[in-house]
């Protein structure tokens, strides 16, 4: 059974993961609007990944006997000045999510909730991967400095990403 403070924090985090998905959906729409279908495809995979994360938290709360309470999802930004600006926003957002996960870990430790701490360790590792992946794309965008041919090369590369459910989260 989850303690009240932990349950409240996990429910808030479900909302944060849903917001992440919604934000990336807005970014996908932006990339479609400027005809960068590869960037849009990358964002679609990100949308699906964040939804999976939200559902992983949802299922965990349910499995621990907690009541899931859903809140409203804030409206995300919908336009950016460039693909570089989008990925700068993505990195900032992922760093924010990392801080939220770290706060949850700290709370689980202070509450002596070893099961939740164990559950959260997958997300700690996931955030390292998220930040590294986004940083790599961001660095490529900085290197090409708006060069159209470079942008189209990155677009083609990003278009190859396909969302797959990790084995550890299947089900």
Protein backbone atom coordinates (compact mmCIF):
# COMPACT_ATOMS: atom_id res chain seq x y z
CA UNK A 1 0.00 0.00 0.00
CA UNK A 2 1.28 3.42 -0.94
CA UNK A 3 1.50 6.16 1.66
CA UNK A 4 -0.60 9.27 0.94
CA UNK A 5 2.36 11.50 0.13
CA UNK A 6 3.84 8.96 -2.29
CA UNK A 7 0.47 8.30 -3.92
CA UNK A 8 -0.10 12.02 -4.46
CA UNK A 9 3.36 12.44 -5.99
CA UNK A 10 2.94 9.43 -8.31
CA UNK A 11 -0.45 10.70 -9.48
CA UNK A 12 1.10 14.10 -10.19
CA UNK A 13 3.80 12.36 -12.16
CA UNK A 14 1.27 10.53 -14.31
CA UNK A 15 0.08 14.00 -15.31
CA UNK A 16 3.66 15.12 -16.01
CA UNK A 17 4.21 12.15 -18.34
CA UNK A 18 0.92 12.86 -20.11
CA UNK A 19 1.99 16.48 -20.53
CA UNK A 20 5.30 15.29 -22.02
CA UNK A 21 3.37 13.24 -24.56
CA UNK A 22 1.13 16.22 -25.34
CA UNK A 23 4.13 18.54 -25.71
CA UNK A 24 5.81 16.16 -28.15
CA UNK A 25 2.57 15.85 -30.09
CA UNK A 26 2.57 19.65 -30.48
CA UNK A 27 6.17 19.45 -31.66
CA UNK A 28 5.22 16.73 -34.14
CA UNK A 29 2.50 19.00 -35.52
CA UNK A 30 5.04 21.84 -35.83
CA UNK A 31 7.41 19.63 -37.83
CA UNK A 32 4.58 18.55 -40.11
CA UNK A 33 3.72 22.21 -40.67
CA UNK A 34 7.24 22.89 -41.97
CA UNK A 35 7.42 19.66 -44.01
CA UNK A 36 10.06 17.89 -41.92
CA UNK A 37 8.47 14.46 -41.83
CA UNK A 38 11.53 12.75 -40.33
CA UNK A 39 11.55 15.13 -37.37
CA UNK A 40 7.78 14.57 -37.07
CA UNK A 41 8.27 10.79 -37.08
CA UNK A 42 10.88 11.09 -34.32
CA UNK A 43 8.44 13.13 -32.27
CA UNK A 44 5.64 10.59 -32.87
CA UNK A 45 7.87 7.88 -31.39
CA UNK A 46 8.52 10.22 -28.47
CA UNK A 47 4.77 10.77 -28.01
CA UNK A 48 4.24 7.01 -27.80
CA UNK A 49 7.16 6.55 -25.43
CA UNK A 50 5.84 9.17 -23.01
CA UNK A 51 2.37 7.63 -23.10
CA UNK A 52 3.94 4.29 -22.24
CA UNK A 53 5.74 5.92 -19.32
CA UNK A 54 2.48 7.42 -18.05
CA UNK A 55 0.78 4.03 -18.27
CA UNK A 56 3.68 2.37 -16.46
CA UNK A 57 3.12 4.79 -13.54
CA UNK A 58 -0.66 4.28 -13.80
CA UNK A 59 -0.28 0.49 -13.62
CA UNK A 60 2.17 0.73 -10.73
CA UNK A 61 -0.21 2.87 -8.66
CA UNK A 62 -3.03 0.41 -9.37
CA UNK A 63 -0.88 -2.61 -8.52
CA UNK A 64 0.05 -1.05 -5.19
CA UNK A 65 -3.62 -0.55 -4.31
CA UNK A 66 -3.68 3.19 -4.90
CA UNK A 67 -6.40 5.20 -6.58
CA UNK A 68 -5.30 6.87 -9.77
CA UNK A 69 -6.51 10.45 -9.94
CA UNK A 70 -6.08 12.28 -13.21
CA UNK A 71 -5.74 16.04 -13.50
CA UNK A 72 -5.98 18.42 -16.41
CA UNK A 73 -3.14 18.55 -18.90
CA UNK A 74 -1.71 22.01 -19.49
CA UNK A 75 -1.68 23.41 -23.01
CA UNK A 76 1.81 23.08 -24.51
CA UNK A 77 3.63 25.60 -26.66
CA UNK A 78 2.69 25.09 -30.32
CA UNK A 79 5.24 27.00 -32.39
CA UNK A 80 8.99 27.43 -32.44
CA UNK A 81 11.40 29.51 -34.47
CA UNK A 82 13.41 26.56 -35.80
CA UNK A 83 14.14 22.84 -35.39
CA UNK A 84 17.09 23.88 -33.22
CA UNK A 85 14.73 25.80 -30.92
CA UNK A 86 12.49 22.73 -30.67
CA UNK A 87 15.34 20.49 -29.56
CA UNK A 88 16.61 23.09 -27.11
CA UNK A 89 13.10 22.99 -25.61
CA UNK A 90 13.12 19.18 -25.64
CA UNK A 91 16.41 19.05 -23.73
CA UNK A 92 15.17 21.57 -21.18
CA UNK A 93 11.97 19.55 -20.77
CA UNK A 94 13.83 16.25 -20.37
CA UNK A 95 16.10 17.82 -17.75
CA UNK A 96 12.94 18.93 -15.93
CA UNK A 97 11.52 15.40 -16.10
CA UNK A 98 14.82 14.07 -14.74
CA UNK A 99 14.46 16.41 -11.77
CA UNK A 100 10.90 15.17 -11.21
CA UNK A 101 12.07 11.54 -11.25
CA UNK A 102 14.90 12.40 -8.85
CA UNK A 103 12.39 14.08 -6.53
CA UNK A 104 10.25 10.93 -6.59
CA UNK A 105 13.30 8.80 -5.74
CA UNK A 106 14.16 11.13 -2.86
CA UNK A 107 10.58 10.90 -1.59
CA UNK A 108 10.55 7.09 -1.87
CA UNK A 109 13.77 6.94 0.15
CA UNK A 110 12.47 9.34 2.81
CA UNK A 111 9.22 7.37 3.04
CA UNK A 112 11.20 4.10 3.21
CA UNK A 113 9.18 2.88 0.23
CA UNK A 114 11.67 0.40 -1.18
CA UNK A 115 9.27 -1.00 -3.78
CA UNK A 116 8.65 2.43 -5.29
CA UNK A 117 12.35 3.25 -5.17
CA UNK A 118 13.03 0.03 -7.07
CA UNK A 119 10.28 0.84 -9.60
CA UNK A 120 11.74 4.31 -10.17
CA UNK A 121 15.26 3.08 -10.94
CA UNK A 122 14.19 2.10 -14.47
CA UNK A 123 13.13 5.73 -15.02
CA UNK A 124 16.42 7.04 -13.63
CA UNK A 125 18.26 5.05 -16.31
CA UNK A 126 15.72 6.00 -18.96
CA UNK A 127 16.27 9.70 -18.32
CA UNK A 128 20.02 9.33 -18.83
CA UNK A 129 19.25 7.81 -22.25
CA UNK A 130 16.65 10.49 -23.06
CA UNK A 131 18.99 13.37 -22.32
CA UNK A 132 21.87 11.77 -24.24
CA UNK A 133 19.70 11.10 -27.30
CA UNK A 134 18.32 14.63 -27.39
CA UNK A 135 21.76 16.16 -26.76
CA UNK A 136 23.16 14.26 -29.75
CA UNK A 137 20.45 15.61 -32.05
CA UNK A 138 20.88 19.10 -30.63
CA UNK A 139 24.63 19.02 -31.28
CA UNK A 140 24.03 17.97 -34.91
CA UNK A 141 21.59 20.83 -35.38
CA UNK A 142 24.13 23.27 -33.93
CA UNK A 143 26.82 21.95 -36.27
CA UNK A 144 24.73 22.41 -39.42
CA UNK A 145 23.76 25.97 -38.39
CA UNK A 146 20.60 26.00 -40.51
CA UNK A 147 22.27 24.57 -43.63
CA UNK A 148 19.35 23.17 -45.65
CA UNK A 149 21.15 20.10 -46.96
CA UNK A 150 22.36 19.25 -43.44
CA UNK A 151 18.85 19.74 -42.10
CA UNK A 152 17.46 17.33 -44.68
CA UNK A 153 20.14 14.77 -43.77
CA UNK A 154 19.17 14.97 -40.09
CA UNK A 155 15.50 14.78 -41.12
CA UNK A 156 16.18 11.55 -43.04
CA UNK A 157 18.10 10.09 -40.10
CA UNK A 158 15.38 10.95 -37.57
CA UNK A 159 12.71 9.50 -39.84
CA UNK A 160 14.18 6.03 -39.28
CA UNK A 161 13.19 5.99 -35.61
CA UNK A 162 10.35 3.62 -34.82
CA UNK A 163 8.84 3.26 -31.36
CA UNK A 164 9.21 -0.20 -29.88
CA UNK A 165 7.99 -1.17 -26.45
CA UNK A 166 11.04 -2.10 -24.34
CA UNK A 167 10.90 -5.69 -23.10
CA UNK A 168 11.07 -4.54 -19.48
CA UNK A 169 7.88 -2.50 -19.90
CA UNK A 170 5.86 -4.81 -22.14
CA UNK A 171 2.46 -5.73 -20.92
